[in-house]
PDB file of N, CA and C in Angstrom:
ATOM      1  N   ASN A   1      59.198  78.631 138.578  1.00  0.00           N
ATOM      2  CA  ASN A   1      57.674  78.427 139.485  1.00  0.00           C
ATOM      3  C   ASN A   1      57.970  77.297 139.788  1.00  0.00           C
ATOM      4  N   VAL A   2      58.088  77.240 141.519  1.00  0.00           N
ATOM      5  CA  VAL A   2      58.659  76.013 141.872  1.00  0.00           C
ATOM      6  C   VAL A   2      57.804  74.482 141.946  1.00  0.00           C
ATOM      7  N   ASP A   3      56.485  74.731 141.786  1.00  0.00           N
ATOM      8  CA  ASP A   3      55.578  73.737 141.544  1.00  0.00           C
ATOM      9  C   ASP A   3      55.763  72.849 140.113  1.00  0.00           C
ATOM     10  N   GLU A   4      56.252  73.715 138.819  1.00  0.00           N
ATOM     11  CA  GLU A   4      56.579  73.197 137.740  1.00  0.00           C
ATOM     12  C   GLU A   4      58.323  72.195 137.615  1.00  0.00           C
ATOM     13  N   TYR A   5      59.065  73.118 138.752  1.00  0.00           N
ATOM     14  CA  TYR A   5      60.087  72.697 139.005  1.00  0.00           C
ATOM     15  C   TYR A   5      60.083  71.132 139.749  1.00  0.00           C
ATOM     16  N   LYS A   6      59.199  71.071 140.563  1.00  0.00           N
ATOM     17  CA  LYS A   6      58.719  69.818 141.460  1.00  0.00           C
ATOM     18  C   LYS A   6      58.519  68.518 140.368  1.00  0.00           C
ATOM     19  N   ILE A   7      57.339  69.172 139.863  1.00  0.00           N
ATOM     20  CA  ILE A   7      56.858  67.976 138.921  1.00  0.00           C
ATOM     21  C   ILE A   7      57.690  67.645 137.752  1.00  0.00           C
ATOM     22  N   LEU A   8      58.324  68.294 137.029  1.00  0.00           N
ATOM     23  CA  LEU A   8      59.581  67.919 136.390  1.00  0.00           C
ATOM     24  C   LEU A   8      60.161  67.326 137.106  1.00  0.00           C
ATOM     25  N   PHE A   9      60.788  67.292 137.965  1.00  0.00           N
ATOM     26  CA  PHE A   9      62.132  66.561 138.950  1.00  0.00           C
ATOM     27  C   PHE A   9      61.176  65.256 139.192  1.00  0.00           C
ATOM     28  N   SER A  10      60.335  64.891 139.411  1.00  0.00           N
ATOM     29  CA  SER A  10      59.362  63.775 140.119  1.00  0.00           C
ATOM     30  C   SER A  10      59.381  63.392 138.749  1.00  0.00           C
ATOM     31  N   ALA A  11      58.965  63.518 137.625  1.00  0.00           N
ATOM     32  CA  ALA A  11      58.585  63.016 136.322  1.00  0.00           C
ATOM     33  C   ALA A  11      60.206  61.994 136.121  1.00  0.00           C
ATOM     34  N   LYS A  12      61.303  63.184 135.977  1.00  0.00           N
ATOM     35  CA  LYS A  12      62.551  62.895 135.720  1.00  0.00           C
ATOM     36  C   LYS A  12      62.728  61.287 136.818  1.00  0.00           C
ATOM     37  N   GLU A  13      62.702  61.705 137.834  1.00  0.00           N
ATOM     38  CA  GLU A  13      63.302  60.367 138.674  1.00  0.00           C
ATOM     39  C   GLU A  13      62.216  59.572 138.731  1.00  0.00           C
ATOM     40  N   PHE A  14      61.018  59.342 138.382  1.00  0.00           N
ATOM     41  CA  PHE A  14      60.170  58.616 138.047  1.00  0.00           C
ATOM     42  C   PHE A  14      60.674  57.332 136.792  1.00  0.00           C
ATOM     43  N   LYS A  15      61.022  58.093 135.497  1.00  0.00           N
ATOM     44  CA  LYS A  15      61.334  57.718 134.182  1.00  0.00           C
ATOM     45  C   LYS A  15      62.724  56.837 134.434  1.00  0.00           C
ATOM     46  N   LYS A  16      63.613  57.532 135.677  1.00  0.00           N
ATOM     47  CA  LYS A  16      64.891  56.964 135.942  1.00  0.00           C
ATOM     48  C   LYS A  16      64.694  55.655 136.598  1.00  0.00           C
ATOM     49  N   THR A  17      63.350  55.583 137.549  1.00  0.00           N
ATOM     50  CA  THR A  17      63.760  54.161 138.655  1.00  0.00           C
ATOM     51  C   THR A  17      63.001  53.103 137.663  1.00  0.00           C
ATOM     52  N   ARG A  18      61.887  53.753 136.799  1.00  0.00           N
ATOM     53  CA  ARG A  18      61.265  52.939 135.853  1.00  0.00           C
ATOM     54  C   ARG A  18      62.309  51.772 134.924  1.00  0.00           C
ATOM     55  N   VAL A  19      62.812  52.696 134.531  1.00  0.00           N
ATOM     56  CA  VAL A  19      64.115  52.277 133.632  1.00  0.00           C
ATOM     57  C   VAL A  19      64.961  51.113 134.482  1.00  0.00           C
ATOM     58  N   GLU A  20      65.386  51.695 135.560  1.00  0.00           N
ATOM     59  CA  GLU A  20      66.372  50.768 136.538  1.00  0.00           C
ATOM     60  C   GLU A  20      65.695  49.286 137.058  1.00  0.00           C
ATOM     61  N   TYR A  21      64.611  49.857 137.170  1.00  0.00           N
ATOM     62  CA  TYR A  21      63.606  48.570 137.471  1.00  0.00           C
ATOM     63  C   TYR A  21      63.675  47.802 136.525  1.00  0.00           C
ATOM     64  N   PHE A  22      63.243  48.152 134.978  1.00  0.00           N
ATOM     65  CA  PHE A  22      63.027  47.195 133.889  1.00  0.00           C
ATOM     66  C   PHE A  22      64.309  46.269 133.594  1.00  0.00           C
ATOM     67  N   VAL A  23      65.380  47.182 133.672  1.00  0.00           N
ATOM     68  CA  VAL A  23      66.537  46.386 133.309  1.00  0.00           C
ATOM     69  C   VAL A  23      66.876  45.752 134.461  1.00  0.00           C
ATOM     70  N   GLU A  24      66.619  45.808 135.625  1.00  0.00           N
ATOM     71  CA  GLU A  24      66.978  44.702 136.792  1.00  0.00           C
ATOM     72  C   GLU A  24      65.877  43.656 136.206  1.00  0.00           C
ATOM     73  N   ASN A  25      64.675  43.632 136.046  1.00  0.00           N
ATOM     74  CA  ASN A  25      64.020  42.311 135.875  1.00  0.00           C
ATOM     75  C   ASN A  25      64.321  41.764 134.855  1.00  0.00           C
ATOM     76  N   GLU A  26      65.136  42.413 133.689  1.00  0.00           N
ATOM     77  CA  GLU A  26      65.283  41.957 132.335  1.00  0.00           C
ATOM     78  C   GLU A  26      66.623  40.754 132.368  1.00  0.00           C
ATOM     79  N   PHE A  27      67.474  41.583 133.775  1.00  0.00           N
ATOM     80  CA  PHE A  27      68.525  40.576 133.491  1.00  0.00           C
ATOM     81  C   PHE A  27      67.957  39.493 134.435  1.00  0.00           C
ATOM     82  N   SER A  28      67.472  39.037 135.642  1.00  0.00           N
ATOM     83  CA  SER A  28      66.845  38.370 136.556  1.00  0.00           C
ATOM     84  C   SER A  28      66.269  37.184 135.386  1.00  0.00           C
ATOM     85  N   LEU A  29      65.273  37.597 134.485  1.00  0.00           N
ATOM     86  CA  LEU A  29      64.617  36.857 133.409  1.00  0.00           C
ATOM     87  C   LEU A  29      65.553  36.046 132.655  1.00  0.00           C
ATOM     88  N   GLU A  30      66.627  36.676 131.997  1.00  0.00           N
ATOM     89  CA  GLU A  30      67.923  36.222 131.489  1.00  0.00           C
ATOM     90  C   GLU A  30      68.658  35.088 131.939  1.00  0.00           C
ATOM     91  N   GLU A  31      68.890  35.348 133.408  1.00  0.00           N
ATOM     92  CA  GLU A  31      69.571  34.182 134.343  1.00  0.00           C
ATOM     93  C   GLU A  31      68.445  33.399 134.451  1.00  0.00           C
ATOM     94  N   LYS A  32      66.825  33.312 134.527  1.00  0.00           N
ATOM     95  CA  LYS A  32      66.428  31.899 134.825  1.00  0.00           C
ATOM     96  C   LYS A  32      66.443  31.159 133.336  1.00  0.00           C
ATOM     97  N   ILE A  33      66.254  31.720 132.533  1.00  0.00           N
ATOM     98  CA  ILE A  33      66.046  31.120 130.994  1.00  0.00           C
ATOM     99  C   ILE A  33      67.210  30.552 130.582  1.00  0.00           C
ATOM    100  N   PRO A  34      67.219  29.396 130.432  1.00  0.00           N
ATOM    101  CA  PRO A  34      68.719  28.995 129.862  1.00  0.00           C
ATOM    102  C   PRO A  34      68.740  29.116 128.252  1.00  0.00           C
ATOM    103  N   ALA A  35      69.827  29.801 127.910  1.00  0.00           N
ATOM    104  CA  ALA A  35      69.936  30.093 126.620  1.00  0.00           C
ATOM    105  C   ALA A  35      69.981  28.520 125.516  1.00  0.00           C
TER     106      ALA A  35
END
């Protein structure tokens, strides 16, 4: 079913981009806070 594939694909993409966004924010936070 094409619709099921689209939903699965978009869910994968969403998870991937969310993880990348989270990682970027983690790095920027570490830069701002002195160790």
